C-alpha atoms as a PDB file:
ATOM      1  CA  MET A   1     106.508  50.719  22.432  1.00  0.00           C
ATOM      2  CA  GLN A   2     107.334  47.446  24.132  1.00  0.00           C
ATOM      3  CA  SER A   3     105.964  44.291  22.569  1.00  0.00           C
ATOM      4  CA  THR A   4     104.038  41.565  24.343  1.00  0.00           C
ATOM      5  CA  ALA A   5     105.214  37.993  23.895  1.00  0.00           C
ATOM      6  CA  SER A   6     102.703  35.819  22.122  1.00  0.00           C
ATOM      7  CA  ALA A   7     100.508  33.624  24.278  1.00  0.00           C
ATOM      8  CA  PRO A   8     101.296  29.894  24.377  1.00  0.00           C
ATOM      9  CA  ARG A   9      99.521  28.085  21.580  1.00  0.00           C
ATOM     10  CA  ASP A  10      98.516  24.433  21.504  1.00  0.00           C
ATOM     11  CA  VAL A  11      97.802  24.285  17.789  1.00  0.00           C
ATOM     12  CA  ILE A  12      99.653  21.183  16.617  1.00  0.00           C
ATOM     13  CA  PRO A  13      97.576  18.172  15.540  1.00  0.00           C
ATOM     14  CA  ALA A  14      98.750  15.327  17.751  1.00  0.00           C
ATOM     15  CA  HIS A  15      99.157  12.818  14.911  1.00  0.00           C
ATOM     16  CA  LEU A  16     100.477  15.061  12.132  1.00  0.00           C
ATOM     17  CA  LEU A  17     103.871  13.320  12.198  1.00  0.00           C
ATOM     18  CA  LYS A  18     102.830  10.009  13.739  1.00  0.00           C
ATOM     19  CA  GLY A  19     105.312   7.211  13.109  1.00  0.00           C
ATOM     20  CA  GLN A  20     108.120   9.505  11.969  1.00  0.00           C
ATOM     21  CA  LYS A  21     111.568   9.734  13.510  1.00  0.00           C
ATOM     22  CA  ALA A  22     113.147  13.152  13.909  1.00  0.00           C
ATOM     23  CA  LEU A  23     116.614  14.396  14.802  1.00  0.00           C
ATOM     24  CA  VAL A  24     116.993  17.970  16.040  1.00  0.00           C
ATOM     25  CA  THR A  25     120.498  19.297  16.586  1.00  0.00           C
ATOM     26  CA  GLY A  26     121.210  21.821  19.300  1.00  0.00           C
ATOM     27  CA  ALA A  27     117.922  20.812  20.914  1.00  0.00           C
ATOM     28  CA  ASN A  28     118.493  21.351  24.617  1.00  0.00           C
ATOM     29  CA  SER A  29     117.682  25.074  24.563  1.00  0.00           C
ATOM     30  CA  GLY A  30     116.140  27.876  22.539  1.00  0.00           C
ATOM     31  CA  ILE A  31     114.773  27.212  19.070  1.00  0.00           C
ATOM     32  CA  GLY A  32     116.036  23.620  19.004  1.00  0.00           C
ATOM     33  CA  LYS A  33     114.310  22.783  22.270  1.00  0.00           C
ATOM     34  CA  ALA A  34     110.991  24.271  21.147  1.00  0.00           C
ATOM     35  CA  THR A  35     111.250  22.468  17.811  1.00  0.00           C
ATOM     36  CA  ALA A  36     112.026  19.085  19.358  1.00  0.00           C
ATOM     37  CA  ILE A  37     109.080  19.434  21.721  1.00  0.00           C
ATOM     38  CA  ALA A  38     106.743  20.510  18.918  1.00  0.00           C
ATOM     39  CA  LEU A  39     107.763  17.548  16.756  1.00  0.00           C
ATOM     40  CA  GLY A  40     107.054  15.233  19.671  1.00  0.00           C
ATOM     41  CA  ARG A  41     103.688  16.858  20.252  1.00  0.00           C
ATOM     42  CA  ALA A  42     102.929  16.193  16.572  1.00  0.00           C
ATOM     43  CA  GLY A  43     103.553  12.474  17.093  1.00  0.00           C
ATOM     44  CA  ALA A  44     107.186  12.040  16.048  1.00  0.00           C
ATOM     45  CA  ASP A  45     109.809  10.144  18.003  1.00  0.00           C
ATOM     46  CA  VAL A  46     112.663  12.581  18.596  1.00  0.00           C
ATOM     47  CA  VAL A  47     116.412  12.461  19.147  1.00  0.00           C
ATOM     48  CA  VAL A  48     117.546  15.505  21.117  1.00  0.00           C
ATOM     49  CA  ASN A  49     121.108  16.378  20.158  1.00  0.00           C
ATOM     50  CA  TYR A  50     123.295  18.477  22.443  1.00  0.00           C
ATOM     51  CA  VAL A  51     126.961  19.276  23.043  1.00  0.00           C
ATOM     52  CA  THR A  52     126.871  20.537  26.632  1.00  0.00           C
ATOM     53  CA  GLY A  53     124.082  20.608  29.191  1.00  0.00           C
ATOM     54  CA  PRO A  54     122.967  16.978  29.501  1.00  0.00           C
ATOM     55  CA  GLU A  55     120.532  17.869  32.283  1.00  0.00           C
ATOM     56  CA  GLN A  56     118.677  20.269  29.999  1.00  0.00           C
ATOM     57  CA  ALA A  57     118.624  17.654  27.229  1.00  0.00           C
ATOM     58  CA  ASP A  58     117.144  15.107  29.624  1.00  0.00           C
ATOM     59  CA  GLU A  59     114.426  17.606  30.580  1.00  0.00           C
ATOM     60  CA  VAL A  60     113.519  18.034  26.915  1.00  0.00           C
ATOM     61  CA  VAL A  61     113.418  14.247  26.486  1.00  0.00           C
ATOM     62  CA  ALA A  62     111.067  13.906  29.454  1.00  0.00           C
ATOM     63  CA  GLN A  63     108.725  16.552  28.092  1.00  0.00           C
ATOM     64  CA  ILE A  64     108.616  14.863  24.685  1.00  0.00           C
ATOM     65  CA  GLU A  65     107.964  11.470  26.254  1.00  0.00           C
ATOM     66  CA  SER A  66     104.969  12.963  28.081  1.00  0.00           C
ATOM     67  CA  PHE A  67     103.218  13.039  24.700  1.00  0.00           C
ATOM     68  CA  GLY A  68     103.389   9.238  24.481  1.00  0.00           C
ATOM     69  CA  VAL A  69     106.236   9.093  21.960  1.00  0.00           C
ATOM     70  CA  ARG A  70     109.866   8.012  22.230  1.00  0.00           C
ATOM     71  CA  ALA A  71     112.759  10.372  22.789  1.00  0.00           C
ATOM     72  CA  ALA A  72     116.469  10.106  23.512  1.00  0.00           C
ATOM     73  CA  ALA A  73     119.338  12.504  24.115  1.00  0.00           C
ATOM     74  CA  HIS A  74     122.453  12.057  21.949  1.00  0.00           C
ATOM     75  CA  GLN A  75     125.596  14.059  22.636  1.00  0.00           C
ATOM     76  CA  ALA A  76     127.577  15.037  19.536  1.00  0.00           C
ATOM     77  CA  ASP A  77     129.496  17.999  18.175  1.00  0.00           C
ATOM     78  CA  VAL A  78     127.993  18.559  14.723  1.00  0.00           C
ATOM     79  CA  SER A  79     131.270  19.994  13.433  1.00  0.00           C
ATOM     80  CA  ALA A  80     133.048  16.677  14.097  1.00  0.00           C
ATOM     81  CA  GLU A  81     132.502  14.192  11.263  1.00  0.00           C
ATOM     82  CA  ASP A  82     133.000  11.057  13.329  1.00  0.00           C
ATOM     83  CA  GLN A  83     130.538  12.244  15.969  1.00  0.00           C
ATOM     84  CA  VAL A  84     127.841  13.044  13.394  1.00  0.00           C
ATOM     85  CA  VAL A  85     128.312   9.668  11.700  1.00  0.00           C
ATOM     86  CA  GLY A  86     128.063   7.986  15.084  1.00  0.00           C
ATOM     87  CA  MET A  87     124.985   9.947  16.141  1.00  0.00           C
ATOM     88  CA  VAL A  88     122.980   9.193  13.013  1.00  0.00           C
ATOM     89  CA  GLY A  89     124.094   5.573  13.058  1.00  0.00           C
ATOM     90  CA  ARG A  90     123.033   5.209  16.677  1.00  0.00           C
ATOM     91  CA  MET A  91     119.673   6.822  15.903  1.00  0.00           C
ATOM     92  CA  VAL A  92     119.009   4.393  13.038  1.00  0.00           C
ATOM     93  CA  GLU A  93     119.994   1.499  15.278  1.00  0.00           C
ATOM     94  CA  GLU A  94     117.766   2.595  18.181  1.00  0.00           C
ATOM     95  CA  PHE A  95     114.807   4.127  16.315  1.00  0.00           C
ATOM     96  CA  GLY A  96     114.913   2.097  13.112  1.00  0.00           C
ATOM     97  CA  THR A  97     115.393   5.010  10.728  1.00  0.00           C
ATOM     98  CA  ILE A  98     115.298   8.797  10.389  1.00  0.00           C
ATOM     99  CA  ASP A  99     112.559  10.704   8.550  1.00  0.00           C
ATOM    100  CA  ILE A 100     113.170  14.314   9.606  1.00  0.00           C
ATOM    101  CA  LEU A 101     116.361  16.265  10.203  1.00  0.00           C
ATOM    102  CA  VAL A 102     116.218  19.743  11.696  1.00  0.00           C
ATOM    103  CA  ALA A 103     119.790  21.033  11.386  1.00  0.00           C
ATOM    104  CA  ASN A 104     119.484  23.701  14.036  1.00  0.00           C
ATOM    105  CA  ALA A 105     122.771  23.754  15.966  1.00  0.00           C
ATOM    106  CA  GLY A 106     124.464  27.120  15.635  1.00  0.00           C
ATOM    107  CA  MET A 107     126.644  29.622  17.443  1.00  0.00           C
ATOM    108  CA  GLN A 108     128.061  33.143  17.415  1.00  0.00           C
ATOM    109  CA  ARG A 109     131.599  34.352  18.093  1.00  0.00           C
ATOM    110  CA  ASP A 110     131.214  38.084  17.507  1.00  0.00           C
ATOM    111  CA  ALA A 111     133.957  40.648  16.882  1.00  0.00           C
ATOM    112  CA  PRO A 112     134.693  43.597  14.597  1.00  0.00           C
ATOM    113  CA  LEU A 113     136.464  42.513  11.437  1.00  0.00           C
ATOM    114  CA  THR A 114     139.828  43.938  12.449  1.00  0.00           C
ATOM    115  CA  GLU A 115     139.684  42.088  15.776  1.00  0.00           C
ATOM    116  CA  MET A 116     138.174  38.804  14.645  1.00  0.00           C
ATOM    117  CA  THR A 117     140.559  35.890  14.965  1.00  0.00           C
ATOM    118  CA  LEU A 118     140.839  33.060  12.495  1.00  0.00           C
ATOM    119  CA  ALA A 119     139.697  30.734  15.272  1.00  0.00           C
ATOM    120  CA  GLN A 120     136.495  32.784  15.747  1.00  0.00           C
ATOM    121  CA  TRP A 121     135.841  32.758  12.002  1.00  0.00           C
ATOM    122  CA  GLN A 122     136.549  29.057  11.602  1.00  0.00           C
ATOM    123  CA  LYS A 123     134.573  27.841  14.619  1.00  0.00           C
ATOM    124  CA  VAL A 124     131.366  29.557  13.477  1.00  0.00           C
ATOM    125  CA  LEU A 125     131.737  28.223   9.934  1.00  0.00           C
ATOM    126  CA  ASP A 126     132.519  24.744  11.271  1.00  0.00           C
ATOM    127  CA  VAL A 127     129.366  24.571  13.404  1.00  0.00           C
ATOM    128  CA  ASN A 128     126.869  26.655  11.432  1.00  0.00           C
ATOM    129  CA  LEU A 129     127.707  25.488   7.913  1.00  0.00           C
ATOM    130  CA  THR A 130     129.877  22.384   7.960  1.00  0.00           C
ATOM    131  CA  GLY A 131     127.780  20.928  10.767  1.00  0.00           C
ATOM    132  CA  GLN A 132     124.629  21.229   8.695  1.00  0.00           C
ATOM    133  CA  PHE A 133     126.378  19.664   5.699  1.00  0.00           C
ATOM    134  CA  LEU A 134     127.549  16.672   7.748  1.00  0.00           C
ATOM    135  CA  CYS A 135     124.136  16.073   9.295  1.00  0.00           C
ATOM    136  CA  ALA A 136     122.366  16.422   5.949  1.00  0.00           C
ATOM    137  CA  ARG A 137     124.814  14.031   4.292  1.00  0.00           C
ATOM    138  CA  GLU A 138     124.390  11.320   6.901  1.00  0.00           C
ATOM    139  CA  ALA A 139     120.598  11.652   7.092  1.00  0.00           C
ATOM    140  CA  SER A 140     120.350  11.528   3.311  1.00  0.00           C
ATOM    141  CA  LYS A 141     122.207   8.227   3.182  1.00  0.00           C
ATOM    142  CA  GLU A 142     119.427   6.684   5.253  1.00  0.00           C
ATOM    143  CA  PHE A 143     116.681   8.451   3.271  1.00  0.00           C
ATOM    144  CA  VAL A 144     118.076   7.045   0.021  1.00  0.00           C
ATOM    145  CA  ARG A 145     118.606   3.579   1.459  1.00  0.00           C
ATOM    146  CA  ARG A 146     115.061   3.323   2.815  1.00  0.00           C
ATOM    147  CA  GLY A 147     113.142   5.247   0.172  1.00  0.00           C
ATOM    148  CA  VAL A 148     109.528   6.326   0.502  1.00  0.00           C
ATOM    149  CA  VAL A 149     107.288   4.510   2.975  1.00  0.00           C
ATOM    150  CA  PRO A 150     103.830   5.735   1.868  1.00  0.00           C
ATOM    151  CA  GLU A 151     102.064   4.947   5.119  1.00  0.00           C
ATOM    152  CA  VAL A 152     104.558   7.183   6.954  1.00  0.00           C
ATOM    153  CA  SER A 153     105.128  10.076   4.539  1.00  0.00           C
ATOM    154  CA  ARG A 154     104.894  10.995   0.881  1.00  0.00           C
ATOM    155  CA  SER A 155     108.611  11.824   0.876  1.00  0.00           C
ATOM    156  CA  ALA A 156     111.643   9.724   1.625  1.00  0.00           C
ATOM    157  CA  GLY A 157     112.941  12.329   4.047  1.00  0.00           C
ATOM    158  CA  LYS A 158     112.806  15.949   5.081  1.00  0.00           C
ATOM    159  CA  ILE A 159     115.746  18.221   5.856  1.00  0.00           C
ATOM    160  CA  ILE A 160     115.123  21.599   7.461  1.00  0.00           C
ATOM    161  CA  CYS A 161     118.164  23.856   7.611  1.00  0.00           C
ATOM    162  CA  MET A 162     118.056  26.558  10.271  1.00  0.00           C
ATOM    163  CA  SER A 163     119.306  29.736   8.658  1.00  0.00           C
ATOM    164  CA  SER A 164     118.719  33.386   9.637  1.00  0.00           C
ATOM    165  CA  VAL A 165     117.501  36.669   8.224  1.00  0.00           C
ATOM    166  CA  HIS A 166     121.225  37.395   8.096  1.00  0.00           C
ATOM    167  CA  GLN A 167     121.540  35.184   5.050  1.00  0.00           C
ATOM    168  CA  VAL A 168     120.299  38.321   3.251  1.00  0.00           C
ATOM    169  CA  ILE A 169     120.716  41.154   5.798  1.00  0.00           C
ATOM    170  CA  PRO A 170     124.360  42.198   6.333  1.00  0.00           C
ATOM    171  CA  TRP A 171     125.347  42.387  10.008  1.00  0.00           C
ATOM    172  CA  SER A 172     128.345  44.469  11.000  1.00  0.00           C
ATOM    173  CA  GLY A 173     130.461  42.886  13.679  1.00  0.00           C
ATOM    174  CA  HIS A 174     129.163  39.420  12.811  1.00  0.00           C
ATOM    175  CA  VAL A 175     130.843  38.655   9.493  1.00  0.00           C
ATOM    176  CA  ASN A 176     131.469  35.005  10.399  1.00  0.00           C
ATOM    177  CA  TYR A 177     127.830  34.430  11.378  1.00  0.00           C
ATOM    178  CA  ALA A 178     126.367  36.224   8.352  1.00  0.00           C
ATOM    179  CA  ALA A 179     128.734  34.405   6.000  1.00  0.00           C
ATOM    180  CA  SER A 180     127.794  31.062   7.519  1.00  0.00           C
ATOM    181  CA  LYS A 181     124.087  31.732   7.056  1.00  0.00           C
ATOM    182  CA  GLY A 182     124.575  32.932   3.486  1.00  0.00           C
ATOM    183  CA  GLY A 183     126.345  29.638   2.902  1.00  0.00           C
ATOM    184  CA  VAL A 184     123.446  27.724   4.468  1.00  0.00           C
ATOM    185  CA  GLN A 185     121.046  29.313   1.965  1.00  0.00           C
ATOM    186  CA  MET A 186     123.028  28.188  -1.077  1.00  0.00           C
ATOM    187  CA  MET A 187     123.840  24.801   0.429  1.00  0.00           C
ATOM    188  CA  MET A 188     120.140  24.210   1.118  1.00  0.00           C
ATOM    189  CA  ALA A 189     119.092  25.158  -2.406  1.00  0.00           C
ATOM    190  CA  THR A 190     121.782  22.987  -3.981  1.00  0.00           C
ATOM    191  CA  LEU A 191     120.896  20.009  -1.802  1.00  0.00           C
ATOM    192  CA  ALA A 192     117.229  20.512  -2.640  1.00  0.00           C
ATOM    193  CA  GLN A 193     118.002  20.447  -6.354  1.00  0.00           C
ATOM    194  CA  GLU A 194     120.140  17.317  -6.041  1.00  0.00           C
ATOM    195  CA  LEU A 195     117.880  15.367  -3.703  1.00  0.00           C
ATOM    196  CA  ALA A 196     114.397  16.223  -4.985  1.00  0.00           C
ATOM    197  CA  PRO A 197     114.442  13.460  -7.648  1.00  0.00           C
ATOM    198  CA  LYS A 198     114.991  11.016  -4.767  1.00  0.00           C
ATOM    199  CA  LYS A 199     111.824  12.350  -3.072  1.00  0.00           C
ATOM    200  CA  ILE A 200     113.818  14.102  -0.359  1.00  0.00           C
ATOM    201  CA  ARG A 201     112.598  17.583   0.483  1.00  0.00           C
ATOM    202  CA  VAL A 202     115.135  20.178   1.637  1.00  0.00           C
ATOM    203  CA  ASN A 203     114.031  23.587   2.889  1.00  0.00           C
ATOM    204  CA  ALA A 204     115.183  26.230   5.344  1.00  0.00           C
ATOM    205  CA  ILE A 205     113.741  28.468   8.017  1.00  0.00           C
ATOM    206  CA  ALA A 206     115.214  31.949   8.475  1.00  0.00           C
ATOM    207  CA  PRO A 207     114.310  33.268  11.932  1.00  0.00           C
ATOM    208  CA  GLY A 208     114.366  36.945  12.733  1.00  0.00           C
ATOM    209  CA  ALA A 209     114.673  38.229  16.295  1.00  0.00           C
ATOM    210  CA  ILE A 210     113.655  35.366  18.601  1.00  0.00           C
ATOM    211  CA  ARG A 211     113.750  35.305  22.405  1.00  0.00           C
ATOM    212  CA  THR A 212     116.600  32.866  22.954  1.00  0.00           C
ATOM    213  CA  PRO A 213     119.652  32.842  25.243  1.00  0.00           C
ATOM    214  CA  ILE A 214     121.984  33.589  22.306  1.00  0.00           C
ATOM    215  CA  ASN A 215     120.534  37.106  21.866  1.00  0.00           C
ATOM    216  CA  ARG A 216     119.257  37.924  25.358  1.00  0.00           C
ATOM    217  CA  ASP A 217     121.001  41.313  25.419  1.00  0.00           C
ATOM    218  CA  ALA A 218     118.856  42.437  22.469  1.00  0.00           C
ATOM    219  CA  TRP A 219     115.501  42.006  24.235  1.00  0.00           C
ATOM    220  CA  ASP A 220     116.065  41.546  27.966  1.00  0.00           C
ATOM    221  CA  THR A 221     115.344  45.155  28.976  1.00  0.00           C
ATOM    222  CA  PRO A 222     112.529  47.494  27.868  1.00  0.00           C
ATOM    223  CA  GLU A 223     115.079  49.844  26.319  1.00  0.00           C
ATOM    224  CA  ALA A 224     116.798  47.101  24.334  1.00  0.00           C
ATOM    225  CA  GLU A 225     113.480  45.673  23.194  1.00  0.00           C
ATOM    226  CA  ASP A 226     112.222  49.077  22.056  1.00  0.00           C
ATOM    227  CA  ASP A 227     115.355  49.479  19.935  1.00  0.00           C
ATOM    228  CA  LEU A 228     114.853  46.018  18.463  1.00  0.00           C
ATOM    229  CA  LEU A 229     111.195  46.637  17.654  1.00  0.00           C
ATOM    230  CA  ARG A 230     112.195  49.422  15.264  1.00  0.00           C
ATOM    231  CA  LEU A 231     113.382  46.615  12.988  1.00  0.00           C
ATOM    232  CA  ILE A 232     110.208  44.502  13.274  1.00  0.00           C
ATOM    233  CA  PRO A 233     107.060  45.797  11.526  1.00  0.00           C
ATOM    234  CA  TYR A 234     104.861  43.226  13.315  1.00  0.00           C
ATOM    235  CA  ASP A 235     105.839  44.892  16.602  1.00  0.00           C
ATOM    236  CA  ARG A 236     106.796  41.920  18.708  1.00  0.00           C
ATOM    237  CA  VAL A 237     109.877  39.827  19.282  1.00  0.00           C
ATOM    238  CA  GLY A 238     109.401  36.242  18.166  1.00  0.00           C
ATOM    239  CA  ASP A 239     109.170  33.226  20.446  1.00  0.00           C
ATOM    240  CA  PRO A 240     110.966  29.904  19.858  1.00  0.00           C
ATOM    241  CA  GLU A 241     107.548  28.334  19.254  1.00  0.00           C
ATOM    242  CA  ASP A 242     107.088  30.560  16.193  1.00  0.00           C
ATOM    243  CA  ILE A 243     109.990  28.719  14.597  1.00  0.00           C
ATOM    244  CA  ALA A 244     108.947  25.335  15.982  1.00  0.00           C
ATOM    245  CA  TYR A 245     105.511  25.507  14.387  1.00  0.00           C
ATOM    246  CA  ALA A 246     107.061  26.423  11.044  1.00  0.00           C
ATOM    247  CA  ALA A 247     109.370  23.414  11.313  1.00  0.00           C
ATOM    248  CA  VAL A 248     106.490  21.044  12.086  1.00  0.00           C
ATOM    249  CA  SER A 249     104.600  22.337   9.052  1.00  0.00           C
ATOM    250  CA  LEU A 250     107.601  21.976   6.737  1.00  0.00           C
ATOM    251  CA  ALA A 251     108.224  18.457   8.019  1.00  0.00           C
ATOM    252  CA  SER A 252     104.661  17.358   7.343  1.00  0.00           C
ATOM    253  CA  ASP A 253     102.966  16.216   4.165  1.00  0.00           C
ATOM    254  CA  LEU A 254     100.970  19.456   4.265  1.00  0.00           C
ATOM    255  CA  MET A 255     104.092  20.967   2.652  1.00  0.00           C
ATOM    256  CA  ASP A 256     104.878  18.067   0.322  1.00  0.00           C
ATOM    257  CA  TYR A 257     105.269  20.323  -2.738  1.00  0.00           C
ATOM    258  CA  VAL A 258     107.547  22.825  -0.964  1.00  0.00           C
ATOM    259  CA  VAL A 259     111.113  22.171  -2.082  1.00  0.00           C
ATOM    260  CA  GLY A 260     114.176  24.415  -1.900  1.00  0.00           C
ATOM    261  CA  THR A 261     112.396  27.273  -0.157  1.00  0.00           C
ATOM    262  CA  THR A 262     113.495  29.508   2.695  1.00  0.00           C
ATOM    263  CA  LEU A 263     110.614  30.392   4.989  1.00  0.00           C
ATOM    264  CA  TYR A 264     111.297  33.720   6.693  1.00  0.00           C
ATOM    265  CA  VAL A 265     109.761  33.761  10.175  1.00  0.00           C
ATOM    266  CA  ASP A 266     110.728  37.277  11.173  1.00  0.00           C
ATOM    267  CA  GLY A 267     107.726  39.517  11.811  1.00  0.00           C
ATOM    268  CA  GLY A 268     108.618  41.407   8.642  1.00  0.00           C
ATOM    269  CA  MET A 269     112.245  42.175   9.496  1.00  0.00           C
ATOM    270  CA  THR A 270     113.269  41.494   5.880  1.00  0.00           C
ATOM    271  CA  LEU A 271     110.761  44.099   4.601  1.00  0.00           C
ATOM    272  CA  PHE A 272     113.308  46.916   5.069  1.00  0.00           C
ATOM    273  CA  PRO A 273     111.240  48.739   7.722  1.00  0.00           C
ATOM    274  CA  GLY A 274     113.505  51.777   7.535  1.00  0.00           C
ATOM    275  CA  PHE A 275     111.853  52.577   4.212  1.00  0.00           C
ATOM    276  CA  ALA A 276     108.271  52.401   5.562  1.00  0.00           C
ATOM    277  CA  THR A 277     108.061  56.205   5.551  1.00  0.00           C
ATOM    278  CA  GLY A 278     109.928  56.707   2.304  1.00  0.00           C
ATOM    279  CA  GLY A 279     113.490  56.204   3.507  1.00  0.00           C
END
């Protein structure tokens, strides 16, 4: 049975994040794009990070600005320390501070284990794990420096790490990706433990199957989608907005007591659907 994509939903209160400054990495397409737009719709000023595709980043900026908030596109490779330091520094200079980091930038370089090169392994770890560490480190410096501003938020800062169901579900042929996301889970929890006394909230979102360019082959035909739906009890492939709305909620004071948690947004993929009829 082929799923039907969820209808567009305009469910975000326009002032939920008013006055806050957000940075979303990898924000010119897919989940990052949807998240940056949703944060802007919720009232935040947003920096749209990208590596390639400046035209797409500018389109995202224009859409965010249509909500009456500020936005800017910043090019930076999150795996390069000097570029991350420069990006966060430029954001603080232009926007005054940073309140929300969505560490979303990620990539795949897939191969069977016996054919995977060290370069494929290292590049995925550099972007998916080290990139999140660098962004979290630089954002946290500003969170600690500024502290809590009660009229803006109850916390000094929010970090949302973009993980994956593959932080817990093994994935043959993708050992570099799965290892990077397993690392994100433990990094997130450790950062949350360290930073919570400073009133900085760190959490993660673990998407399941989402309609993005990175996994188009898995859902782009009825046959592929039917195969994918066998893994999703809720019987539809997710949309980028499903993740975006979760990120807005985690970034808001509605979730002020949520610390060190991974929110699985996966339609039940982590419920081991193969065992629904007894295995």
